[in-house]
Amino acid sequence: MFLLSFVLSAVGYWAPVAPSDPRIVYVGRFDWTDKASPTCEWSASEVRLRVQGATFTATVDDANGCGWEIVIDGKATGVLPLKKGADTYAVNLGNDSVHEVSLVRRAEAFMGPTSFKGFEVPNGKLLKAKPRSRHIEVVGDSITCGYGNEGKDQNERFRPETENAYESYASVAARLLDADVTIIAWSGRKMWPDNTTPEIYDTILPNEGKGQYDFKGPVPSAVVINLATNDFGKSAPDEDGWTRAYETFIRRIWSHYPKAQIYAATGPMMVGDPLAKLQQYLQKISTDMNDPRLHLIDFETQKQENGLGSDWHPSVKTDEIMGAQLAGVIKRDLHW
């Protein structure tokens, strides 16, 4: 575990690095209205730096003290527990060699915005980080956010501290594919008819209801839609209305990413009649659309022996299993 330091002392002068510096890579949707303060809310939003040095600092303004995963040279090393408001944090990299460092947002959009104000590399230098050449997008609900995946068991109620989007199946799959990932997900959301993820799909800051994404960022080769668990929770929605809404959303995604392979998924929390009904609905969509770019994927129902997260949600182990399944399917279909 690398140590974090939150009290900084001046050891000399070094030039600050603006957040808009082209050597920094931002993965996911960031609001660049103020170039001195790029802001994000979506799960697994990432800031990637390449640092030559033993430490770097980040000045961050956070609405509610959202935790960020620290990933150094491909390994998660700890959590950067942001305070509410603006502060400067230092991350110890262990030695002064060249390191690839990522800060990855653990919690989902309802925790509010996080803004990056600047960076410094004391007694070192910032090198140019690179985006991955591959990109995927995953659209969903709490399962895709990693809701409570670090909770001790199903009886523990949700806390933001136990939600880790870096360990969600979407992020796991991306790492196995050597791809970057954009997660568009919010707990409790549905496909249709109300409280839907599609109605906030175009936004940059969904909690604020601000910013229309221009879809000019990296184009995903694969888009996964994992929306149905909340739709079928109490009873099956109207088949015609639900399947038409799903088909409309698929076509909407293709309007932005016409070459993307789309995967319509069942979730690991579904069993019995609701699962069977969902599979029936998705098969109808697949048959009606009859498009080789559309695929169905059934995630295996979670197992007690793999542990359960908060409020019966998937555990980190289940996310690992789902991520491996998804990566295998995408790798097969895209010949990656």
C-alpha atoms as a PDB file:
ATOM      1  CA  MET A   1       0.000   0.000   0.000  1.00  0.00           C
ATOM      2  CA  PHE A   2       1.413   3.366  -1.000  1.00  0.00           C
ATOM      3  CA  LEU A   3       1.130   6.108   1.558  1.00  0.00           C
ATOM      4  CA  LEU A   4      -0.914   9.214   0.931  1.00  0.00           C
ATOM      5  CA  SER A   5       0.021  12.568   2.326  1.00  0.00           C
ATOM      6  CA  PHE A   6      -2.395  15.460   2.721  1.00  0.00           C
ATOM      7  CA  VAL A   7      -0.158  18.111   4.308  1.00  0.00           C
ATOM      8  CA  LEU A   8       2.323  19.649   1.881  1.00  0.00           C
ATOM      9  CA  SER A   9       5.410  21.663   2.640  1.00  0.00           C
ATOM     10  CA  ALA A  10       7.455  23.761   0.239  1.00  0.00           C
ATOM     11  CA  VAL A  11      10.741  22.068  -0.644  1.00  0.00           C
ATOM     12  CA  GLY A  12      11.517  24.383  -3.478  1.00  0.00           C
ATOM     13  CA  TYR A  13       9.749  25.764  -6.542  1.00  0.00           C
ATOM     14  CA  TRP A  14       8.314  23.723  -9.367  1.00  0.00           C
ATOM     15  CA  ALA A  15       6.020  24.777 -12.180  1.00  0.00           C
ATOM     16  CA  PRO A  16       2.344  23.913 -11.735  1.00  0.00           C
ATOM     17  CA  VAL A  17       0.686  21.837 -14.463  1.00  0.00           C
ATOM     18  CA  ALA A  18      -2.651  23.109 -15.757  1.00  0.00           C
ATOM     19  CA  PRO A  19      -5.417  20.481 -15.932  1.00  0.00           C
ATOM     20  CA  SER A  20      -5.759  21.225 -19.650  1.00  0.00           C
ATOM     21  CA  ASP A  21      -2.124  20.222 -20.281  1.00  0.00           C
ATOM     22  CA  PRO A  22      -2.135  17.908 -23.347  1.00  0.00           C
ATOM     23  CA  ARG A  23       0.137  15.423 -21.577  1.00  0.00           C
ATOM     24  CA  ILE A  24      -2.788  14.436 -19.326  1.00  0.00           C
ATOM     25  CA  VAL A  25      -5.398  11.912 -20.508  1.00  0.00           C
ATOM     26  CA  TYR A  26      -9.022  12.124 -19.363  1.00  0.00           C
ATOM     27  CA  VAL A  27     -11.158   9.011 -19.846  1.00  0.00           C
ATOM     28  CA  GLY A  28     -14.935   9.353 -19.766  1.00  0.00           C
ATOM     29  CA  ARG A  29     -17.080  12.467 -19.920  1.00  0.00           C
ATOM     30  CA  PHE A  30     -15.669  15.704 -18.519  1.00  0.00           C
ATOM     31  CA  ASP A  31     -17.203  19.147 -18.678  1.00  0.00           C
ATOM     32  CA  TRP A  32     -14.616  21.485 -20.213  1.00  0.00           C
ATOM     33  CA  THR A  33     -16.708  24.664 -20.048  1.00  0.00           C
ATOM     34  CA  ASP A  34     -14.004  25.999 -17.731  1.00  0.00           C
ATOM     35  CA  LYS A  35     -10.705  24.681 -19.106  1.00  0.00           C
ATOM     36  CA  ALA A  36      -9.067  25.399 -15.760  1.00  0.00           C
ATOM     37  CA  SER A  37     -11.485  23.077 -14.008  1.00  0.00           C
ATOM     38  CA  PRO A  38     -12.502  19.922 -15.942  1.00  0.00           C
ATOM     39  CA  THR A  39     -15.394  18.333 -14.072  1.00  0.00           C
ATOM     40  CA  CYS A  40     -16.920  14.862 -14.053  1.00  0.00           C
ATOM     41  CA  GLU A  41     -19.634  12.819 -12.330  1.00  0.00           C
ATOM     42  CA  TRP A  42     -19.979   9.482 -14.140  1.00  0.00           C
ATOM     43  CA  SER A  43     -18.630   6.306 -12.535  1.00  0.00           C
ATOM     44  CA  ALA A  44     -15.058   5.271 -13.423  1.00  0.00           C
ATOM     45  CA  SER A  45     -14.159   8.691 -14.845  1.00  0.00           C
ATOM     46  CA  GLU A  46     -10.379   8.646 -15.026  1.00  0.00           C
ATOM     47  CA  VAL A  47      -7.453  11.045 -14.979  1.00  0.00           C
ATOM     48  CA  ARG A  48      -4.247   9.444 -16.288  1.00  0.00           C
ATOM     49  CA  LEU A  49      -0.757  10.853 -15.898  1.00  0.00           C
ATOM     50  CA  ARG A  50       2.742   9.643 -16.727  1.00  0.00           C
ATOM     51  CA  VAL A  51       5.101  10.853 -14.060  1.00  0.00           C
ATOM     52  CA  GLN A  52       8.841  10.685 -13.659  1.00  0.00           C
ATOM     53  CA  GLY A  53       9.328  11.189  -9.963  1.00  0.00           C
ATOM     54  CA  ALA A  54       8.570   9.829  -6.518  1.00  0.00           C
ATOM     55  CA  THR A  55       5.427  11.890  -5.936  1.00  0.00           C
ATOM     56  CA  PHE A  56       2.878  14.165  -7.556  1.00  0.00           C
ATOM     57  CA  THR A  57       0.161  16.445  -6.229  1.00  0.00           C
ATOM     58  CA  ALA A  58      -3.376  17.079  -7.415  1.00  0.00           C
ATOM     59  CA  THR A  59      -5.591  19.988  -6.446  1.00  0.00           C
ATOM     60  CA  VAL A  60      -9.197  18.796  -6.477  1.00  0.00           C
ATOM     61  CA  ASP A  61     -12.564  20.333  -5.626  1.00  0.00           C
ATOM     62  CA  ASP A  62     -15.172  17.717  -4.722  1.00  0.00           C
ATOM     63  CA  ALA A  63     -18.828  18.212  -3.832  1.00  0.00           C
ATOM     64  CA  ASN A  64     -19.229  15.486  -1.224  1.00  0.00           C
ATOM     65  CA  GLY A  65     -15.910  13.778  -0.511  1.00  0.00           C
ATOM     66  CA  CYS A  66     -16.015  11.125  -3.234  1.00  0.00           C
ATOM     67  CA  GLY A  67     -13.326   8.443  -3.097  1.00  0.00           C
ATOM     68  CA  TRP A  68     -10.976   7.892  -6.043  1.00  0.00           C
ATOM     69  CA  GLU A  69      -8.995   4.717  -6.687  1.00  0.00           C
ATOM     70  CA  ILE A  70      -5.246   5.234  -7.060  1.00  0.00           C
ATOM     71  CA  VAL A  71      -3.730   2.978  -9.724  1.00  0.00           C
ATOM     72  CA  ILE A  72       0.054   2.971 -10.082  1.00  0.00           C
ATOM     73  CA  ASP A  73       1.684   1.032 -12.906  1.00  0.00           C
ATOM     74  CA  GLY A  74      -1.458  -1.023 -13.405  1.00  0.00           C
ATOM     75  CA  LYS A  75      -2.036  -1.904  -9.744  1.00  0.00           C
ATOM     76  CA  ALA A  76      -4.663  -0.438  -7.431  1.00  0.00           C
ATOM     77  CA  THR A  77      -2.722   0.801  -4.423  1.00  0.00           C
ATOM     78  CA  GLY A  78      -5.291   2.568  -2.264  1.00  0.00           C
ATOM     79  CA  VAL A  79      -8.077   5.102  -2.120  1.00  0.00           C
ATOM     80  CA  LEU A  80      -7.714   8.863  -2.325  1.00  0.00           C
ATOM     81  CA  PRO A  81     -10.494   9.933   0.087  1.00  0.00           C
ATOM     82  CA  LEU A  82     -11.272  13.439  -1.073  1.00  0.00           C
ATOM     83  CA  LYS A  83     -12.538  16.001   1.376  1.00  0.00           C
ATOM     84  CA  LYS A  84     -15.601  18.096   0.660  1.00  0.00           C
ATOM     85  CA  GLY A  85     -14.408  21.249  -1.053  1.00  0.00           C
ATOM     86  CA  ALA A  86     -11.055  22.158  -2.565  1.00  0.00           C
ATOM     87  CA  ASP A  87      -7.778  20.742  -1.278  1.00  0.00           C
ATOM     88  CA  THR A  88      -4.379  19.598  -2.493  1.00  0.00           C
ATOM     89  CA  TYR A  89      -3.318  15.967  -2.159  1.00  0.00           C
ATOM     90  CA  ALA A  90       0.027  14.257  -2.635  1.00  0.00           C
ATOM     91  CA  VAL A  91       0.449  10.678  -3.814  1.00  0.00           C
ATOM     92  CA  ASN A  92       3.654   8.808  -3.033  1.00  0.00           C
ATOM     93  CA  LEU A  93       4.779   6.741  -6.029  1.00  0.00           C
ATOM     94  CA  GLY A  94       7.467   4.850  -4.152  1.00  0.00           C
ATOM     95  CA  ASN A  95      10.509   5.769  -6.244  1.00  0.00           C
ATOM     96  CA  ASP A  96      11.568   8.342  -8.815  1.00  0.00           C
ATOM     97  CA  SER A  97      11.320   6.150 -11.922  1.00  0.00           C
ATOM     98  CA  VAL A  98       8.673   6.597 -14.632  1.00  0.00           C
ATOM     99  CA  HIS A  99       5.146   5.656 -13.515  1.00  0.00           C
ATOM    100  CA  GLU A 100       1.761   5.502 -15.206  1.00  0.00           C
ATOM    101  CA  VAL A 101      -0.754   6.776 -12.649  1.00  0.00           C
ATOM    102  CA  SER A 102      -4.541   6.845 -12.842  1.00  0.00           C
ATOM    103  CA  LEU A 103      -7.098   8.353 -10.514  1.00  0.00           C
ATOM    104  CA  VAL A 104     -10.422   6.556 -11.067  1.00  0.00           C
ATOM    105  CA  ARG A 105     -13.731   7.720  -9.625  1.00  0.00           C
ATOM    106  CA  ARG A 106     -15.220   4.975  -7.436  1.00  0.00           C
ATOM    107  CA  ALA A 107     -18.708   6.355  -6.770  1.00  0.00           C
ATOM    108  CA  GLU A 108     -21.559   7.215  -9.079  1.00  0.00           C
ATOM    109  CA  ALA A 109     -23.019  10.485 -10.255  1.00  0.00           C
ATOM    110  CA  PHE A 110     -25.360  11.198  -7.341  1.00  0.00           C
ATOM    111  CA  MET A 111     -22.260  11.932  -5.224  1.00  0.00           C
ATOM    112  CA  GLY A 112     -21.930  15.141  -7.218  1.00  0.00           C
ATOM    113  CA  PRO A 113     -19.173  16.713  -9.274  1.00  0.00           C
ATOM    114  CA  THR A 114     -15.409  16.417  -8.949  1.00  0.00           C
ATOM    115  CA  SER A 115     -13.253  19.147 -10.514  1.00  0.00           C
ATOM    116  CA  PHE A 116      -9.506  19.030 -11.141  1.00  0.00           C
ATOM    117  CA  LYS A 117      -7.704  22.328 -10.654  1.00  0.00           C
ATOM    118  CA  GLY A 118      -4.078  21.449 -11.312  1.00  0.00           C
ATOM    119  CA  PHE A 119      -1.116  19.151 -10.719  1.00  0.00           C
ATOM    120  CA  GLU A 120       2.521  19.422  -9.677  1.00  0.00           C
ATOM    121  CA  VAL A 121       5.453  17.019  -9.839  1.00  0.00           C
ATOM    122  CA  PRO A 122       7.964  18.031  -7.143  1.00  0.00           C
ATOM    123  CA  ASN A 123      11.543  17.211  -8.092  1.00  0.00           C
ATOM    124  CA  GLY A 124      10.333  15.368 -11.201  1.00  0.00           C
ATOM    125  CA  LYS A 125       8.493  15.925 -14.431  1.00  0.00           C
ATOM    126  CA  LEU A 126       5.256  15.138 -16.208  1.00  0.00           C
ATOM    127  CA  LEU A 127       5.558  13.024 -19.356  1.00  0.00           C
ATOM    128  CA  LYS A 128       2.911  12.367 -22.005  1.00  0.00           C
ATOM    129  CA  ALA A 129       0.295   9.791 -21.048  1.00  0.00           C
ATOM    130  CA  LYS A 130      -1.570   7.888 -23.757  1.00  0.00           C
ATOM    131  CA  PRO A 131      -5.157   6.748 -24.187  1.00  0.00           C
ATOM    132  CA  ARG A 132      -5.708   3.079 -24.989  1.00  0.00           C
ATOM    133  CA  SER A 133      -6.236   2.340 -28.671  1.00  0.00           C
ATOM    134  CA  ARG A 134      -9.426   0.415 -27.812  1.00  0.00           C
ATOM    135  CA  HIS A 135     -12.566   1.797 -26.198  1.00  0.00           C
ATOM    136  CA  ILE A 136     -15.795   0.300 -24.873  1.00  0.00           C
ATOM    137  CA  GLU A 137     -18.905   1.850 -23.341  1.00  0.00           C
ATOM    138  CA  VAL A 138     -21.205   0.232 -20.783  1.00  0.00           C
ATOM    139  CA  VAL A 139     -24.710   1.557 -20.057  1.00  0.00           C
ATOM    140  CA  GLY A 140     -26.566   0.370 -16.989  1.00  0.00           C
ATOM    141  CA  ASP A 141     -27.800   0.725 -13.441  1.00  0.00           C
ATOM    142  CA  SER A 142     -26.369  -0.004  -9.983  1.00  0.00           C
ATOM    143  CA  ILE A 143     -24.780  -3.282 -11.097  1.00  0.00           C
ATOM    144  CA  THR A 144     -22.685  -1.457 -13.681  1.00  0.00           C
ATOM    145  CA  CYS A 145     -21.749   1.234 -11.124  1.00  0.00           C
ATOM    146  CA  GLY A 146     -20.262  -1.382  -8.778  1.00  0.00           C
ATOM    147  CA  TYR A 147     -22.888  -0.565  -6.138  1.00  0.00           C
ATOM    148  CA  GLY A 148     -21.814  -2.013  -2.792  1.00  0.00           C
ATOM    149  CA  ASN A 149     -19.428  -4.500  -4.415  1.00  0.00           C
ATOM    150  CA  GLU A 150     -17.032  -3.994  -1.521  1.00  0.00           C
ATOM    151  CA  GLY A 151     -19.784  -4.416   1.085  1.00  0.00           C
ATOM    152  CA  LYS A 152     -19.227  -7.206   3.624  1.00  0.00           C
ATOM    153  CA  ASP A 153     -22.463  -9.048   2.793  1.00  0.00           C
ATOM    154  CA  GLN A 154     -26.042  -8.707   1.533  1.00  0.00           C
ATOM    155  CA  ASN A 155     -27.269  -7.428   4.894  1.00  0.00           C
ATOM    156  CA  GLU A 156     -25.055  -4.351   4.828  1.00  0.00           C
ATOM    157  CA  ARG A 157     -26.823  -1.271   3.531  1.00  0.00           C
ATOM    158  CA  PHE A 158     -25.233   0.783   0.795  1.00  0.00           C
ATOM    159  CA  ARG A 159     -22.498   3.263   1.647  1.00  0.00           C
ATOM    160  CA  PRO A 160     -20.569   5.279  -0.957  1.00  0.00           C
ATOM    161  CA  GLU A 161     -17.338   3.949   0.551  1.00  0.00           C
ATOM    162  CA  THR A 162     -18.194   0.397  -0.561  1.00  0.00           C
ATOM    163  CA  GLU A 163     -18.987   1.299  -4.182  1.00  0.00           C
ATOM    164  CA  ASN A 164     -15.984   0.773  -6.435  1.00  0.00           C
ATOM    165  CA  ALA A 165     -16.505   1.343 -10.152  1.00  0.00           C
ATOM    166  CA  TYR A 166     -12.846   0.461 -10.755  1.00  0.00           C
ATOM    167  CA  GLU A 167     -13.736  -3.120  -9.740  1.00  0.00           C
ATOM    168  CA  SER A 168     -17.083  -3.213 -11.581  1.00  0.00           C
ATOM    169  CA  TYR A 169     -17.404  -5.813 -14.322  1.00  0.00           C
ATOM    170  CA  ALA A 170     -17.232  -3.050 -16.949  1.00  0.00           C
ATOM    171  CA  SER A 171     -13.831  -1.861 -15.739  1.00  0.00           C
ATOM    172  CA  VAL A 172     -12.574  -5.423 -15.268  1.00  0.00           C
ATOM    173  CA  ALA A 173     -13.517  -6.280 -18.864  1.00  0.00           C
ATOM    174  CA  ALA A 174     -11.818  -3.133 -20.168  1.00  0.00           C
ATOM    175  CA  ARG A 175      -8.549  -4.008 -18.439  1.00  0.00           C
ATOM    176  CA  LEU A 176      -8.655  -7.544 -19.818  1.00  0.00           C
ATOM    177  CA  LEU A 177      -9.189  -6.065 -23.293  1.00  0.00           C
ATOM    178  CA  ASP A 178      -6.488  -3.387 -22.831  1.00  0.00           C
ATOM    179  CA  ALA A 179      -9.235  -0.840 -23.510  1.00  0.00           C
ATOM    180  CA  ASP A 180     -10.484   2.364 -21.967  1.00  0.00           C
ATOM    181  CA  VAL A 181     -14.064   2.353 -20.703  1.00  0.00           C
ATOM    182  CA  THR A 182     -16.839   4.910 -20.378  1.00  0.00           C
ATOM    183  CA  ILE A 183     -19.554   3.957 -17.880  1.00  0.00           C
ATOM    184  CA  ILE A 184     -22.983   5.568 -18.221  1.00  0.00           C
ATOM    185  CA  ALA A 185     -24.916   4.161 -15.276  1.00  0.00           C
ATOM    186  CA  TRP A 186     -26.961   5.222 -12.259  1.00  0.00           C
ATOM    187  CA  SER A 187     -28.482   3.119  -9.490  1.00  0.00           C
ATOM    188  CA  GLY A 188     -32.194   2.387  -9.720  1.00  0.00           C
ATOM    189  CA  ARG A 189     -32.467   3.413 -13.348  1.00  0.00           C
ATOM    190  CA  LYS A 190     -34.513   1.565 -15.964  1.00  0.00           C
ATOM    191  CA  MET A 191     -34.844   1.239 -19.700  1.00  0.00           C
ATOM    192  CA  TRP A 192     -38.556   2.233 -19.753  1.00  0.00           C
ATOM    193  CA  PRO A 193     -40.938   3.929 -18.958  1.00  0.00           C
ATOM    194  CA  ASP A 194     -39.697   6.166 -16.124  1.00  0.00           C
ATOM    195  CA  ASN A 195     -36.477   6.993 -14.253  1.00  0.00           C
ATOM    196  CA  THR A 196     -34.478   5.782 -17.230  1.00  0.00           C
ATOM    197  CA  THR A 197     -30.805   5.787 -18.085  1.00  0.00           C
ATOM    198  CA  PRO A 198     -31.593   6.702 -21.730  1.00  0.00           C
ATOM    199  CA  GLU A 199     -33.087  10.030 -20.589  1.00  0.00           C
ATOM    200  CA  ILE A 200     -29.730  11.052 -19.079  1.00  0.00           C
ATOM    201  CA  TYR A 201     -27.550   9.266 -21.626  1.00  0.00           C
ATOM    202  CA  ASP A 202     -26.547  12.453 -23.476  1.00  0.00           C
ATOM    203  CA  THR A 203     -25.494  14.420 -20.398  1.00  0.00           C
ATOM    204  CA  ILE A 204     -21.973  15.139 -19.184  1.00  0.00           C
ATOM    205  CA  LEU A 205     -22.947  15.970 -15.594  1.00  0.00           C
ATOM    206  CA  PRO A 206     -26.160  13.998 -14.987  1.00  0.00           C
ATOM    207  CA  ASN A 207     -26.560  14.902 -11.319  1.00  0.00           C
ATOM    208  CA  GLU A 208     -26.394  18.562 -12.247  1.00  0.00           C
ATOM    209  CA  GLY A 209     -28.476  18.056 -15.391  1.00  0.00           C
ATOM    210  CA  LYS A 210     -25.823  19.994 -17.270  1.00  0.00           C
ATOM    211  CA  GLY A 211     -23.889  19.658 -20.480  1.00  0.00           C
ATOM    212  CA  GLN A 212     -24.760  17.834 -23.673  1.00  0.00           C
ATOM    213  CA  TYR A 213     -22.102  15.363 -24.725  1.00  0.00           C
ATOM    214  CA  ASP A 214     -20.996  15.949 -28.337  1.00  0.00           C
ATOM    215  CA  PHE A 215     -19.966  12.309 -29.017  1.00  0.00           C
ATOM    216  CA  LYS A 216     -16.693  13.540 -30.516  1.00  0.00           C
ATOM    217  CA  GLY A 217     -14.592  11.678 -27.981  1.00  0.00           C
ATOM    218  CA  PRO A 218     -13.143   8.191 -28.492  1.00  0.00           C
ATOM    219  CA  VAL A 219     -15.575   6.000 -30.427  1.00  0.00           C
ATOM    220  CA  PRO A 220     -16.362   2.723 -28.661  1.00  0.00           C
ATOM    221  CA  SER A 221     -16.058  -0.449 -30.700  1.00  0.00           C
ATOM    222  CA  ALA A 222     -18.508  -2.181 -28.346  1.00  0.00           C
ATOM    223  CA  VAL A 223     -21.419  -0.836 -26.293  1.00  0.00           C
ATOM    224  CA  VAL A 224     -22.997  -2.973 -23.574  1.00  0.00           C
ATOM    225  CA  ILE A 225     -26.556  -2.278 -22.383  1.00  0.00           C
ATOM    226  CA  ASN A 226     -27.288  -3.863 -18.998  1.00  0.00           C
ATOM    227  CA  LEU A 227     -30.685  -2.358 -18.162  1.00  0.00           C
ATOM    228  CA  ALA A 228     -33.599  -4.498 -17.011  1.00  0.00           C
ATOM    229  CA  THR A 229     -33.091  -5.521 -13.389  1.00  0.00           C
ATOM    230  CA  ASN A 230     -35.130  -2.588 -12.089  1.00  0.00           C
ATOM    231  CA  ASP A 231     -37.659  -2.851 -14.934  1.00  0.00           C
ATOM    232  CA  PHE A 232     -38.564  -6.442 -14.081  1.00  0.00           C
ATOM    233  CA  GLY A 233     -38.213  -6.161 -10.301  1.00  0.00           C
ATOM    234  CA  LYS A 234     -41.900  -6.151  -9.373  1.00  0.00           C
ATOM    235  CA  SER A 235     -43.525  -7.344 -12.573  1.00  0.00           C
ATOM    236  CA  ALA A 236     -42.695  -7.509 -16.241  1.00  0.00           C
ATOM    237  CA  PRO A 237     -43.228  -4.237 -18.116  1.00  0.00           C
ATOM    238  CA  ASP A 238     -45.514  -4.067 -21.135  1.00  0.00           C
ATOM    239  CA  GLU A 239     -43.711  -6.074 -23.815  1.00  0.00           C
ATOM    240  CA  ASP A 240     -44.518  -3.844 -26.764  1.00  0.00           C
ATOM    241  CA  GLY A 241     -43.665  -0.597 -24.975  1.00  0.00           C
ATOM    242  CA  TRP A 242     -40.459  -1.942 -23.426  1.00  0.00           C
ATOM    243  CA  THR A 243     -39.081  -3.616 -26.534  1.00  0.00           C
ATOM    244  CA  ARG A 244     -39.865  -0.570 -28.692  1.00  0.00           C
ATOM    245  CA  ALA A 245     -38.050   1.679 -26.210  1.00  0.00           C
ATOM    246  CA  TYR A 246     -35.061  -0.674 -26.194  1.00  0.00           C
ATOM    247  CA  GLU A 247     -34.922  -0.790 -30.000  1.00  0.00           C
ATOM    248  CA  THR A 248     -35.141   3.007 -30.147  1.00  0.00           C
ATOM    249  CA  PHE A 249     -32.233   3.306 -27.736  1.00  0.00           C
ATOM    250  CA  ILE A 250     -30.125   0.854 -29.752  1.00  0.00           C
ATOM    251  CA  ARG A 251     -30.728   2.882 -32.919  1.00  0.00           C
ATOM    252  CA  ARG A 252     -29.868   6.035 -31.025  1.00  0.00           C
ATOM    253  CA  ILE A 253     -26.505   4.567 -30.034  1.00  0.00           C
ATOM    254  CA  TRP A 254     -25.848   3.522 -33.629  1.00  0.00           C
ATOM    255  CA  SER A 255     -26.625   7.089 -34.762  1.00  0.00           C
ATOM    256  CA  HIS A 256     -23.530   8.112 -32.787  1.00  0.00           C
ATOM    257  CA  TYR A 257     -21.440   4.960 -33.255  1.00  0.00           C
ATOM    258  CA  PRO A 258     -22.616   3.246 -36.467  1.00  0.00           C
ATOM    259  CA  LYS A 259     -19.877   0.590 -36.410  1.00  0.00           C
ATOM    260  CA  ALA A 260     -20.274  -0.368 -32.751  1.00  0.00           C
ATOM    261  CA  GLN A 261     -21.162  -3.906 -31.757  1.00  0.00           C
ATOM    262  CA  ILE A 262     -24.006  -3.677 -29.214  1.00  0.00           C
ATOM    263  CA  TYR A 263     -24.547  -6.249 -26.479  1.00  0.00           C
ATOM    264  CA  ALA A 264     -27.969  -6.453 -24.803  1.00  0.00           C
ATOM    265  CA  ALA A 265     -27.435  -8.137 -21.443  1.00  0.00           C
ATOM    266  CA  THR A 266     -29.315  -9.910 -18.704  1.00  0.00           C
ATOM    267  CA  GLY A 267     -28.133  -9.158 -15.172  1.00  0.00           C
ATOM    268  CA  PRO A 268     -26.695 -11.429 -12.463  1.00  0.00           C
ATOM    269  CA  MET A 269     -29.393 -10.570  -9.895  1.00  0.00           C
ATOM    270  CA  MET A 270     -32.240 -11.973 -11.989  1.00  0.00           C
ATOM    271  CA  VAL A 271     -33.639 -15.509 -11.621  1.00  0.00           C
ATOM    272  CA  GLY A 272     -36.761 -17.529 -12.406  1.00  0.00           C
ATOM    273  CA  ASP A 273     -39.732 -16.077 -14.260  1.00  0.00           C
ATOM    274  CA  PRO A 274     -38.439 -12.472 -14.435  1.00  0.00           C
ATOM    275  CA  LEU A 275     -35.213 -13.689 -16.058  1.00  0.00           C
ATOM    276  CA  ALA A 276     -37.097 -15.920 -18.482  1.00  0.00           C
ATOM    277  CA  LYS A 277     -39.409 -13.044 -19.425  1.00  0.00           C
ATOM    278  CA  LEU A 278     -36.467 -10.696 -19.999  1.00  0.00           C
ATOM    279  CA  GLN A 279     -34.742 -13.275 -22.192  1.00  0.00           C
ATOM    280  CA  GLN A 280     -37.966 -13.546 -24.196  1.00  0.00           C
ATOM    281  CA  TYR A 281     -38.117  -9.769 -24.653  1.00  0.00           C
ATOM    282  CA  LEU A 282     -34.466  -9.501 -25.691  1.00  0.00           C
ATOM    283  CA  GLN A 283     -34.824 -12.360 -28.159  1.00  0.00           C
ATOM    284  CA  LYS A 284     -37.797 -10.550 -29.705  1.00  0.00           C
ATOM    285  CA  ILE A 285     -35.672  -7.405 -30.095  1.00  0.00           C
ATOM    286  CA  SER A 286     -32.868  -9.401 -31.689  1.00  0.00           C
ATOM    287  CA  THR A 287     -35.248 -11.142 -34.083  1.00  0.00           C
ATOM    288  CA  ASP A 288     -37.117  -7.970 -35.017  1.00  0.00           C
ATOM    289  CA  MET A 289     -33.972  -5.912 -35.622  1.00  0.00           C
ATOM    290  CA  ASN A 290     -32.094  -8.725 -37.378  1.00  0.00           C
ATOM    291  CA  ASP A 291     -28.817  -6.807 -37.371  1.00  0.00           C
ATOM    292  CA  PRO A 292     -25.397  -8.515 -37.178  1.00  0.00           C
ATOM    293  CA  ARG A 293     -24.139  -5.685 -34.971  1.00  0.00           C
ATOM    294  CA  LEU A 294     -26.567  -6.695 -32.185  1.00  0.00           C
ATOM    295  CA  HIS A 295     -25.699  -9.503 -29.767  1.00  0.00           C
ATOM    296  CA  LEU A 296     -27.275 -10.967 -26.632  1.00  0.00           C
ATOM    297  CA  ILE A 297     -25.278 -11.844 -23.530  1.00  0.00           C
ATOM    298  CA  ASP A 298     -26.561 -13.661 -20.467  1.00  0.00           C
ATOM    299  CA  PHE A 299     -24.538 -12.925 -17.366  1.00  0.00           C
ATOM    300  CA  GLU A 300     -24.530 -15.897 -15.032  1.00  0.00           C
ATOM    301  CA  THR A 301     -26.688 -15.488 -11.935  1.00  0.00           C
ATOM    302  CA  GLN A 302     -24.532 -14.568  -8.938  1.00  0.00           C
ATOM    303  CA  LYS A 303     -23.631 -17.374  -6.528  1.00  0.00           C
ATOM    304  CA  GLN A 304     -23.635 -17.248  -2.739  1.00  0.00           C
ATOM    305  CA  GLU A 305     -20.185 -18.873  -2.582  1.00  0.00           C
ATOM    306  CA  ASN A 306     -18.719 -15.878  -4.425  1.00  0.00           C
ATOM    307  CA  GLY A 307     -20.025 -13.530  -1.747  1.00  0.00           C
ATOM    308  CA  LEU A 308     -22.666 -10.848  -2.030  1.00  0.00           C
ATOM    309  CA  GLY A 309     -22.290  -7.112  -1.859  1.00  0.00           C
ATOM    310  CA  SER A 310     -24.489  -4.594  -0.107  1.00  0.00           C
ATOM    311  CA  ASP A 311     -28.255  -5.014  -0.573  1.00  0.00           C
ATOM    312  CA  TRP A 312     -27.800  -8.303  -2.481  1.00  0.00           C
ATOM    313  CA  HIS A 313     -25.694  -6.715  -5.208  1.00  0.00           C
ATOM    314  CA  PRO A 314     -22.767  -8.439  -6.953  1.00  0.00           C
ATOM    315  CA  SER A 315     -19.530  -8.748  -5.032  1.00  0.00           C
ATOM    316  CA  VAL A 316     -16.089  -7.876  -6.378  1.00  0.00           C
ATOM    317  CA  LYS A 317     -15.642 -11.599  -7.105  1.00  0.00           C
ATOM    318  CA  THR A 318     -18.851 -11.700  -9.153  1.00  0.00           C
ATOM    319  CA  ASP A 319     -17.745  -8.553 -10.981  1.00  0.00           C
ATOM    320  CA  GLU A 320     -14.494 -10.345 -11.791  1.00  0.00           C
ATOM    321  CA  ILE A 321     -16.394 -13.304 -13.233  1.00  0.00           C
ATOM    322  CA  MET A 322     -18.730 -11.083 -15.248  1.00  0.00           C
ATOM    323  CA  GLY A 323     -15.827  -8.990 -16.533  1.00  0.00           C
ATOM    324  CA  ALA A 324     -13.996 -12.084 -17.756  1.00  0.00           C
ATOM    325  CA  GLN A 325     -17.145 -13.337 -19.514  1.00  0.00           C
ATOM    326  CA  LEU A 326     -17.743  -9.987 -21.203  1.00  0.00           C
ATOM    327  CA  ALA A 327     -14.117  -9.606 -22.256  1.00  0.00           C
ATOM    328  CA  GLY A 328     -14.115 -13.078 -23.765  1.00  0.00           C
ATOM    329  CA  VAL A 329     -17.221 -12.365 -25.842  1.00  0.00           C
ATOM    330  CA  ILE A 330     -15.962  -8.992 -27.106  1.00  0.00           C
ATOM    331  CA  LYS A 331     -12.521 -10.412 -27.847  1.00  0.00           C
ATOM    332  CA  ARG A 332     -14.131 -13.198 -29.899  1.00  0.00           C
ATOM    333  CA  ASP A 333     -16.464 -10.920 -31.845  1.00  0.00           C
ATOM    334  CA  LEU A 334     -14.031  -8.073 -32.494  1.00  0.00           C
ATOM    335  CA  HIS A 335     -10.999 -10.326 -33.029  1.00  0.00           C
ATOM    336  CA  TRP A 336      -9.025  -8.419 -30.410  1.00  0.00           C
END
